[in-house]
Amino acid sequence: MLKLLPLLSLVLFSVPAMAASSLNPLEMRWLKAAAPVVNYAREQGLPLDIVVQPQDAPGSVPLALGFDGGRCKLVLSMRGNAQAETALQGVPSASQDLMIATMAAHEIGHCQRHAQGDWHALPRGFVERGAIDGDVREQGQTRREEGYADLVALAWVHARHIDDYQDVLAWLGSLRQAGGSHDTRAWLALAGDSAVFDTAQTPFRQAELLWRQGLEGR
């Protein structure tokens, strides 16, 4: 069973003591690091809930997004999960909270696509190329969504942590291997110069403009 917990209350430690004590230090740390992103998403009107898995979740992605009943579910799976302990391996301790926030911003990009009813859909004017089998099509759809979400994360970092932008970009690139559904390197290459982002627009709009450029080149 999933347990829904209001993030802002947790971060401010204003929930009842038993609710706060039910979270372990690793969960509290990730929630605090993700708080600026989640607060921004809610300010933008995204229907976002925070879900903390109370049971062991070995092998799960530590931070992921689901969509249910018209609402996004930002899910933390930390307990009994070695990936939660090693997700930031190799990242300097001073940068780890920013990388957690970057992951949260990536998931918020997915939330935006779900909330707009655009999940797996191509923008107007784009069409799938040729007849491809279902597995290949699904892989391509996933890759597109991951590319968009990476760009949202980078746009968010550009607006708030521009001095760390290149470090975050390099870290994301280190996670994206060639081939497969999470190969977003074509979009990351477009974001190599931080000047591509216009902070006068939301991260979602900035990401969409660059994302379309990547789609045109594929």
Protein backbone atom coordinates (compact mmCIF):
# COMPACT_ATOMS: atom_id res chain seq x y z
CA MET A 1 0.00 0.00 0.00
CA LEU A 2 1.25 3.49 -0.85
CA LYS A 3 1.33 6.23 1.75
CA LEU A 4 0.59 9.80 0.61
CA LEU A 5 2.44 12.51 2.48
CA PRO A 6 2.22 16.29 1.90
CA LEU A 7 5.81 17.32 1.10
CA LEU A 8 5.69 20.92 2.27
CA SER A 9 4.45 19.89 5.71
CA LEU A 10 7.16 17.30 6.00
CA VAL A 11 9.88 19.72 5.06
CA LEU A 12 8.70 22.25 7.61
CA PHE A 13 8.28 19.54 10.26
CA SER A 14 4.76 20.70 11.01
CA VAL A 15 3.09 17.30 10.60
CA PRO A 16 2.24 15.21 13.67
CA ALA A 17 5.30 13.70 15.28
CA MET A 18 4.35 10.14 14.39
CA ALA A 19 4.03 10.99 10.68
CA ALA A 20 7.43 12.68 10.65
CA SER A 21 9.05 9.87 12.60
CA SER A 22 7.77 7.33 10.07
CA LEU A 23 10.30 8.66 7.54
CA ASN A 24 13.91 7.58 7.66
CA PRO A 25 16.82 10.04 7.29
CA LEU A 26 17.39 9.16 3.63
CA GLU A 27 13.75 9.85 2.79
CA MET A 28 13.83 13.14 4.66
CA ARG A 29 16.98 14.19 2.85
CA TRP A 30 15.54 13.48 -0.60
CA LEU A 31 12.26 15.20 0.25
CA LYS A 32 14.08 18.31 1.43
CA ALA A 33 16.28 18.41 -1.66
CA ALA A 34 13.27 17.98 -3.97
CA ALA A 35 11.12 20.55 -2.14
CA PRO A 36 12.01 23.62 -4.31
CA VAL A 37 11.08 21.71 -7.46
CA VAL A 38 7.85 20.33 -6.04
CA ASN A 39 6.82 23.70 -4.67
CA TYR A 40 7.42 25.28 -8.08
CA ALA A 41 5.38 22.57 -9.79
CA ARG A 42 2.48 23.15 -7.46
CA GLU A 43 2.73 26.92 -7.99
CA GLN A 44 2.32 26.16 -11.71
CA GLY A 45 -0.87 24.27 -10.94
CA LEU A 46 0.38 20.75 -11.56
CA PRO A 47 -1.72 18.11 -9.74
CA LEU A 48 1.10 16.58 -7.73
CA ASP A 49 1.14 14.21 -4.76
CA ILE A 50 4.16 12.81 -2.91
CA VAL A 51 4.18 9.07 -2.27
CA VAL A 52 6.64 7.37 0.07
CA GLN A 53 6.73 3.59 -0.19
CA PRO A 54 6.52 2.29 3.42
CA GLN A 55 7.60 -1.22 2.45
CA ASP A 56 10.90 -2.53 1.10
CA ALA A 57 11.28 -1.92 -2.63
CA PRO A 58 14.48 -3.68 -3.77
CA GLY A 59 15.48 -2.90 -7.34
CA SER A 60 13.04 0.01 -7.73
CA VAL A 61 13.99 3.38 -9.18
CA PRO A 62 14.49 5.55 -6.06
CA LEU A 63 12.51 8.49 -7.49
CA ALA A 64 9.88 7.96 -10.17
CA LEU A 65 6.61 9.39 -11.43
CA GLY A 66 3.24 7.72 -11.79
CA PHE A 67 -0.08 9.11 -12.98
CA ASP A 68 -3.38 8.00 -11.51
CA GLY A 69 -6.84 9.53 -11.30
CA GLY A 70 -5.72 12.67 -13.08
CA ARG A 71 -2.91 13.31 -10.61
CA CYS A 72 0.86 12.88 -10.74
CA LYS A 73 2.45 10.72 -8.06
CA LEU A 74 6.09 11.46 -7.26
CA VAL A 75 7.14 8.16 -5.69
CA LEU A 76 10.11 7.61 -3.39
CA SER A 77 11.18 3.95 -3.03
CA MET A 78 14.02 4.09 -0.53
CA ARG A 79 13.57 1.23 1.91
CA GLY A 80 15.45 -2.00 1.39
CA ASN A 81 16.60 -0.57 -1.94
CA ALA A 82 20.33 -0.58 -2.67
CA GLN A 83 19.77 1.76 -5.62
CA ALA A 84 18.65 4.48 -3.23
CA GLU A 85 22.02 4.30 -1.50
CA THR A 86 24.08 4.22 -4.69
CA ALA A 87 22.09 6.60 -6.95
CA LEU A 88 24.49 9.45 -6.16
CA GLN A 89 27.66 7.39 -6.09
CA GLY A 90 30.54 9.43 -7.44
CA VAL A 91 28.75 12.76 -7.00
CA PRO A 92 30.56 15.14 -4.60
CA SER A 93 28.62 15.48 -1.37
CA ALA A 94 28.23 19.24 -1.88
CA SER A 95 26.43 18.60 -5.19
CA GLN A 96 24.20 15.72 -4.19
CA ASP A 97 21.17 17.76 -3.13
CA LEU A 98 21.24 19.59 -6.46
CA MET A 99 21.32 16.28 -8.35
CA ILE A 100 18.31 15.08 -6.34
CA ALA A 101 16.52 18.29 -7.29
CA THR A 102 17.51 17.69 -10.91
CA MET A 103 15.96 14.22 -10.77
CA ALA A 104 12.80 15.71 -9.28
CA ALA A 105 12.68 18.34 -12.04
CA HIS A 106 13.00 15.56 -14.62
CA GLU A 107 9.99 13.80 -13.10
CA ILE A 108 8.05 17.08 -13.03
CA GLY A 109 8.64 17.24 -16.78
CA HIS A 110 6.85 13.91 -17.06
CA CYS A 111 4.05 15.27 -14.87
CA GLN A 112 3.57 18.24 -17.19
CA ARG A 113 3.19 15.96 -20.20
CA HIS A 114 0.68 13.75 -18.40
CA ALA A 115 -1.29 16.70 -17.05
CA GLN A 116 -1.54 18.25 -20.52
CA GLY A 117 -2.76 14.98 -22.02
CA ASP A 118 0.30 14.80 -24.27
CA TRP A 119 1.96 11.66 -22.96
CA HIS A 120 3.65 9.77 -25.83
CA ALA A 121 2.08 12.15 -28.35
CA LEU A 122 4.09 13.97 -30.98
CA PRO A 123 3.64 17.74 -31.24
CA ARG A 124 1.39 19.12 -33.95
CA GLY A 125 3.09 18.87 -37.33
CA PHE A 126 5.17 15.79 -36.48
CA VAL A 127 4.33 12.26 -37.59
CA GLU A 128 5.76 8.82 -36.86
CA ARG A 129 8.18 7.81 -39.58
CA GLY A 130 7.21 4.71 -41.53
CA ALA A 131 5.68 1.49 -40.32
CA ILE A 132 7.45 0.19 -37.23
CA ASP A 133 6.58 -2.62 -34.85
CA GLY A 134 5.08 -1.96 -31.46
CA ASP A 135 8.23 -2.50 -29.40
CA VAL A 136 10.28 -0.11 -31.51
CA ARG A 137 7.50 2.49 -31.45
CA GLU A 138 7.17 2.24 -27.67
CA GLN A 139 10.93 2.58 -27.23
CA GLY A 140 10.90 5.68 -29.40
CA GLN A 141 8.00 7.17 -27.46
CA THR A 142 9.79 6.58 -24.18
CA ARG A 143 13.00 8.09 -25.52
CA ARG A 144 11.12 11.23 -26.60
CA GLU A 145 9.54 11.64 -23.17
CA GLU A 146 12.87 11.14 -21.44
CA GLY A 147 14.44 13.73 -23.73
CA TYR A 148 11.76 16.27 -22.88
CA ALA A 149 12.09 15.58 -19.15
CA ASP A 150 15.88 15.96 -19.25
CA LEU A 151 15.45 19.34 -20.93
CA VAL A 152 12.93 20.47 -18.29
CA ALA A 153 15.45 19.53 -15.60
CA LEU A 154 18.22 21.47 -17.34
CA ALA A 155 16.00 24.52 -17.85
CA TRP A 156 15.13 24.46 -14.15
CA VAL A 157 18.82 24.21 -13.19
CA HIS A 158 19.71 27.00 -15.64
CA ALA A 159 17.18 29.33 -14.01
CA ARG A 160 18.25 28.63 -10.43
CA HIS A 161 21.76 27.19 -10.38
CA ILE A 162 23.39 28.47 -13.54
CA ASP A 163 26.90 28.20 -12.09
CA ASP A 164 26.35 24.44 -11.74
CA TYR A 165 24.71 24.00 -15.14
CA GLN A 166 27.63 22.30 -16.93
CA ASP A 167 28.22 19.93 -14.02
CA VAL A 168 24.58 18.86 -14.07
CA LEU A 169 24.63 18.47 -17.85
CA ALA A 170 27.73 16.26 -17.64
CA TRP A 171 26.16 14.17 -14.89
CA LEU A 172 22.99 13.61 -16.91
CA GLY A 173 25.10 12.67 -19.91
CA SER A 174 26.95 10.08 -17.83
CA LEU A 175 23.62 8.38 -17.11
CA ARG A 176 22.47 8.22 -20.74
CA GLN A 177 24.07 5.35 -22.59
CA ALA A 178 23.86 4.78 -26.33
CA GLY A 179 20.82 2.90 -27.54
CA GLY A 180 17.73 1.95 -25.61
CA SER A 181 14.74 3.90 -24.43
CA HIS A 182 16.66 6.39 -22.27
CA ASP A 183 19.21 7.54 -24.82
CA THR A 184 18.59 11.29 -24.69
CA ARG A 185 22.04 12.33 -25.89
CA ALA A 186 20.67 14.05 -28.99
CA TRP A 187 18.73 16.47 -26.79
CA LEU A 188 21.53 16.88 -24.27
CA ALA A 189 23.83 17.89 -27.13
CA LEU A 190 21.41 20.68 -28.06
CA ALA A 191 21.60 21.90 -24.47
CA GLY A 192 25.39 22.03 -24.41
CA ASP A 193 25.34 25.83 -24.45
CA SER A 194 23.23 27.09 -21.56
CA ALA A 195 22.35 30.16 -23.64
CA VAL A 196 19.73 28.05 -25.45
CA PHE A 197 17.45 28.57 -22.48
CA ASP A 198 15.44 31.76 -22.13
CA THR A 199 14.65 32.33 -18.47
CA ALA A 200 11.77 34.63 -19.37
CA GLN A 201 9.73 31.50 -20.11
CA THR A 202 8.79 28.54 -17.93
CA PRO A 203 11.11 25.52 -17.93
CA PHE A 204 8.33 23.59 -19.67
CA ARG A 205 8.13 26.03 -22.58
CA GLN A 206 11.91 26.32 -22.83
CA ALA A 207 12.21 22.54 -22.92
CA GLU A 208 9.50 22.18 -25.54
CA LEU A 209 11.23 24.52 -27.97
CA LEU A 210 14.53 22.64 -27.73
CA TRP A 211 12.75 19.28 -27.70
CA ARG A 212 11.13 20.10 -31.06
CA GLN A 213 14.53 20.85 -32.51
CA GLY A 214 15.68 17.41 -31.44
CA LEU A 215 12.62 15.78 -32.97
CA GLU A 216 13.33 17.48 -36.29
CA GLY A 217 16.78 15.93 -36.36
CA ARG A 218 15.65 12.36 -35.69
